[in-house]
C-alpha atoms as a PDB file:
ATOM      1  CA  MET A   1      94.947  89.452 100.819  1.00  0.00           C
ATOM      2  CA  SER A   2      93.573  92.774  99.737  1.00  0.00           C
ATOM      3  CA  ASP A   3      92.316  95.888 101.416  1.00  0.00           C
ATOM      4  CA  ASP A   4      91.085  99.221 100.164  1.00  0.00           C
ATOM      5  CA  PRO A   5      93.825 101.839  99.657  1.00  0.00           C
ATOM      6  CA  GLU A   6      92.474 104.081 102.460  1.00  0.00           C
ATOM      7  CA  SER A   7      92.648 101.244 105.001  1.00  0.00           C
ATOM      8  CA  MET A   8      96.142 100.358 103.815  1.00  0.00           C
ATOM      9  CA  ARG A   9      97.211 103.999 104.269  1.00  0.00           C
ATOM     10  CA  ALA A  10      95.795 104.073 107.811  1.00  0.00           C
ATOM     11  CA  ARG A  11      97.716 100.890 108.628  1.00  0.00           C
ATOM     12  CA  ALA A  12     100.941 102.329 107.175  1.00  0.00           C
ATOM     13  CA  GLU A  13     100.505 105.592 109.096  1.00  0.00           C
ATOM     14  CA  SER A  14     100.199 103.723 112.384  1.00  0.00           C
ATOM     15  CA  ASP A  15     103.196 101.401 111.899  1.00  0.00           C
ATOM     16  CA  PRO A  16     104.634 100.929 115.422  1.00  0.00           C
ATOM     17  CA  TYR A  17     108.246 100.539 114.248  1.00  0.00           C
ATOM     18  CA  CYS A  18     108.088 103.779 112.245  1.00  0.00           C
ATOM     19  CA  GLU A  19     106.485 105.551 115.197  1.00  0.00           C
ATOM     20  CA  THR A  20     109.394 104.410 117.396  1.00  0.00           C
ATOM     21  CA  LEU A  21     111.942 105.858 114.957  1.00  0.00           C
ATOM     22  CA  GLY A  22     109.970 109.021 114.182  1.00  0.00           C
ATOM     23  CA  ILE A  23     109.339 108.163 110.521  1.00  0.00           C
ATOM     24  CA  GLU A  24     106.262 109.884 109.094  1.00  0.00           C
ATOM     25  CA  LEU A  25     104.248 108.876 106.042  1.00  0.00           C
ATOM     26  CA  VAL A  26     103.807 112.095 104.040  1.00  0.00           C
ATOM     27  CA  GLU A  27     102.316 110.840 100.754  1.00  0.00           C
ATOM     28  CA  MET A  28     100.837 107.557  99.554  1.00  0.00           C
ATOM     29  CA  ASP A  29      99.291 107.238  96.110  1.00  0.00           C
ATOM     30  CA  SER A  30      99.041 104.400  93.628  1.00  0.00           C
ATOM     31  CA  GLY A  31     102.605 103.090  93.182  1.00  0.00           C
ATOM     32  CA  HIS A  32     104.157 106.028  95.022  1.00  0.00           C
ATOM     33  CA  ALA A  33     104.929 107.024  98.614  1.00  0.00           C
ATOM     34  CA  ARG A  34     107.033 109.532 100.515  1.00  0.00           C
ATOM     35  CA  THR A  35     108.296 109.344 104.095  1.00  0.00           C
ATOM     36  CA  GLU A  36     110.277 111.762 106.259  1.00  0.00           C
ATOM     37  CA  LEU A  37     112.583 111.500 109.241  1.00  0.00           C
ATOM     38  CA  THR A  38     114.187 114.311 111.218  1.00  0.00           C
ATOM     39  CA  VAL A  39     117.535 112.973 112.409  1.00  0.00           C
ATOM     40  CA  GLY A  40     117.945 113.080 116.182  1.00  0.00           C
ATOM     41  CA  GLU A  41     120.612 111.992 118.645  1.00  0.00           C
ATOM     42  CA  ASN A  42     118.814 108.643 118.946  1.00  0.00           C
ATOM     43  CA  HIS A  43     119.546 107.938 115.249  1.00  0.00           C
ATOM     44  CA  LEU A  44     123.340 108.194 115.617  1.00  0.00           C
ATOM     45  CA  ASN A  45     125.831 105.348 115.723  1.00  0.00           C
ATOM     46  CA  PHE A  46     128.953 105.151 117.916  1.00  0.00           C
ATOM     47  CA  HIS A  47     130.849 107.349 115.423  1.00  0.00           C
ATOM     48  CA  GLY A  48     128.307 110.142 115.933  1.00  0.00           C
ATOM     49  CA  THR A  49     126.962 109.819 112.384  1.00  0.00           C
ATOM     50  CA  VAL A  50     123.499 108.759 111.288  1.00  0.00           C
ATOM     51  CA  HIS A  51     123.122 104.999 111.616  1.00  0.00           C
ATOM     52  CA  GLY A  52     122.696 103.246 108.280  1.00  0.00           C
ATOM     53  CA  GLY A  53     119.798 101.319 109.788  1.00  0.00           C
ATOM     54  CA  ALA A  54     117.856 104.559 110.329  1.00  0.00           C
ATOM     55  CA  ILE A  55     118.343 105.557 106.682  1.00  0.00           C
ATOM     56  CA  TYR A  56     117.458 102.035 105.534  1.00  0.00           C
ATOM     57  CA  SER A  57     114.309 102.053 107.700  1.00  0.00           C
ATOM     58  CA  LEU A  58     113.211 105.388 106.226  1.00  0.00           C
ATOM     59  CA  ALA A  59     113.622 104.047 102.677  1.00  0.00           C
ATOM     60  CA  ASP A  60     111.992 100.729 103.580  1.00  0.00           C
ATOM     61  CA  ALA A  61     108.949 102.526 105.022  1.00  0.00           C
ATOM     62  CA  ALA A  62     108.449 104.410 101.736  1.00  0.00           C
ATOM     63  CA  PHE A  63     108.937 101.137  99.825  1.00  0.00           C
ATOM     64  CA  ALA A  64     106.375  99.340 102.006  1.00  0.00           C
ATOM     65  CA  ALA A  65     103.800 102.112 101.626  1.00  0.00           C
ATOM     66  CA  ALA A  66     104.241 102.365  97.849  1.00  0.00           C
ATOM     67  CA  SER A  67     104.138  98.606  97.316  1.00  0.00           C
ATOM     68  CA  ASN A  68     100.931  98.266  99.360  1.00  0.00           C
ATOM     69  CA  SER A  69      99.338 101.434  97.939  1.00  0.00           C
ATOM     70  CA  HIS A  70      97.170  99.544  95.455  1.00  0.00           C
ATOM     71  CA  GLY A  71      95.250  97.990  98.361  1.00  0.00           C
ATOM     72  CA  GLU A  72      96.871  94.619  97.734  1.00  0.00           C
ATOM     73  CA  THR A  73      99.164  93.048 100.340  1.00  0.00           C
ATOM     74  CA  ALA A  74     102.789  92.944  99.192  1.00  0.00           C
ATOM     75  CA  PHE A  75     105.749  91.303 100.958  1.00  0.00           C
ATOM     76  CA  ALA A  76     109.401  92.188 100.349  1.00  0.00           C
ATOM     77  CA  LEU A  77     111.387  89.597  98.405  1.00  0.00           C
ATOM     78  CA  GLU A  78     114.650  91.478  98.205  1.00  0.00           C
ATOM     79  CA  THR A  79     116.073  94.918  98.872  1.00  0.00           C
ATOM     80  CA  ASN A  80     119.383  96.698  98.573  1.00  0.00           C
ATOM     81  CA  ILE A  81     120.645 100.135  99.466  1.00  0.00           C
ATOM     82  CA  SER A  82     123.601 102.251  98.417  1.00  0.00           C
ATOM     83  CA  TYR A  83     124.700 104.939 100.861  1.00  0.00           C
ATOM     84  CA  LEU A  84     125.896 108.001  98.975  1.00  0.00           C
ATOM     85  CA  ASP A  85     126.533 110.697 101.591  1.00  0.00           C
ATOM     86  CA  MET A  86     126.316 111.434 105.317  1.00  0.00           C
ATOM     87  CA  THR A  87     124.004 113.886 107.045  1.00  0.00           C
ATOM     88  CA  GLU A  88     123.818 115.682 110.379  1.00  0.00           C
ATOM     89  CA  THR A  89     121.572 115.727 113.429  1.00  0.00           C
ATOM     90  CA  GLY A  90     118.567 117.998 112.919  1.00  0.00           C
ATOM     91  CA  THR A  91     118.422 117.316 109.181  1.00  0.00           C
ATOM     92  CA  THR A  92     115.098 116.169 107.743  1.00  0.00           C
ATOM     93  CA  LEU A  93     115.545 113.311 105.301  1.00  0.00           C
ATOM     94  CA  ASP A  94     113.000 112.522 102.614  1.00  0.00           C
ATOM     95  CA  ALA A  95     112.475 109.094 101.005  1.00  0.00           C
ATOM     96  CA  THR A  96     110.466 108.956  97.783  1.00  0.00           C
ATOM     97  CA  ALA A  97     109.426 105.542  96.447  1.00  0.00           C
ATOM     98  CA  THR A  98     108.404 105.088  92.823  1.00  0.00           C
ATOM     99  CA  GLU A  99     107.039 101.945  91.203  1.00  0.00           C
ATOM    100  CA  THR A 100     109.247 100.885  88.290  1.00  0.00           C
ATOM    101  CA  TYR A 101     107.546  97.567  87.463  1.00  0.00           C
ATOM    102  CA  ASN A 102     104.176  96.051  88.375  1.00  0.00           C
ATOM    103  CA  GLY A 103     103.606  92.470  87.242  1.00  0.00           C
ATOM    104  CA  ARG A 104     100.976  89.927  88.221  1.00  0.00           C
ATOM    105  CA  ARG A 105     102.908  88.443  91.161  1.00  0.00           C
ATOM    106  CA  THR A 106     105.818  90.830  91.720  1.00  0.00           C
ATOM    107  CA  ALA A 107     106.536  94.539  91.583  1.00  0.00           C
ATOM    108  CA  GLU A 108     109.700  96.647  91.823  1.00  0.00           C
ATOM    109  CA  TYR A 109     110.348 100.042  93.427  1.00  0.00           C
ATOM    110  CA  ARG A 110     113.146 102.595  93.517  1.00  0.00           C
ATOM    111  CA  VAL A 111     113.535 104.841  96.553  1.00  0.00           C
ATOM    112  CA  GLU A 112     115.594 108.022  96.572  1.00  0.00           C
ATOM    113  CA  VAL A 113     116.629 109.308 100.013  1.00  0.00           C
ATOM    114  CA  THR A 114     117.529 112.983  99.974  1.00  0.00           C
ATOM    115  CA  GLY A 115     118.479 115.716 102.383  1.00  0.00           C
ATOM    116  CA  PRO A 116     118.055 119.496 102.189  1.00  0.00           C
ATOM    117  CA  GLY A 117     118.230 120.859  98.644  1.00  0.00           C
ATOM    118  CA  ASP A 118     117.516 117.343  97.302  1.00  0.00           C
ATOM    119  CA  ASP A 119     121.101 116.312  98.103  1.00  0.00           C
ATOM    120  CA  PRO A 120     121.314 112.528  97.518  1.00  0.00           C
ATOM    121  CA  ILE A 121     121.875 110.484 100.687  1.00  0.00           C
ATOM    122  CA  ALA A 122     121.002 106.938  99.538  1.00  0.00           C
ATOM    123  CA  THR A 123     119.412 104.915  96.751  1.00  0.00           C
ATOM    124  CA  PHE A 124     117.277 101.877  97.626  1.00  0.00           C
ATOM    125  CA  ARG A 125     115.728  99.245  95.357  1.00  0.00           C
ATOM    126  CA  GLY A 126     113.182  96.658  96.399  1.00  0.00           C
ATOM    127  CA  ARG A 127     111.059  93.911  94.905  1.00  0.00           C
ATOM    128  CA  VAL A 128     107.819  92.541  96.383  1.00  0.00           C
ATOM    129  CA  TYR A 129     105.657  89.451  96.078  1.00  0.00           C
ATOM    130  CA  LYS A 130     101.894  89.879  95.822  1.00  0.00           C
ATOM    131  CA  PRO A 131     100.336  86.614  97.081  1.00  0.00           C
ATOM    132  CA  GLY A 132      96.744  87.611  96.281  1.00  0.00           C
ATOM    133  CA  SER A 133      97.431  88.208  92.598  1.00  0.00           C
ATOM    134  CA  SER A 134      96.526  85.807  89.815  1.00  0.00           C
ATOM    135  CA  ASP A 135      98.989  83.109  88.706  1.00  0.00           C
ATOM    136  CA  GLY A 136     101.757  83.775  86.222  1.00  0.00           C
ATOM    137  CA  GLU A 137     104.187  86.642  85.824  1.00  0.00           C
END
């Protein structure tokens, strides 16, 4: 499956899950994307801290946008995240995804989640499968 990059961006910008969480697509270029989330009360866990799932979703949205930015459908094969620090309600978090490898059938991305002053909040890594690509790796 392939699509032009502009159509892929429009699809990413209207992602219903991201809309529910308040995640916004800020940038999407070839192999790169940036998303933002302003932490609200609805993003807190029972301890009153930001839920790891909200941070993961922010990073995953940047990963999805970057990995589909070439106009070629990409599906996640594996992901992992390391939580580095906590943040507070009202803070705007930024997730920047960068392509680190782009093969024929797979690609890899690194996502840095930061808070104000570029303070590190989490590091995410993901790998995708590109079913429409030619055979071989």
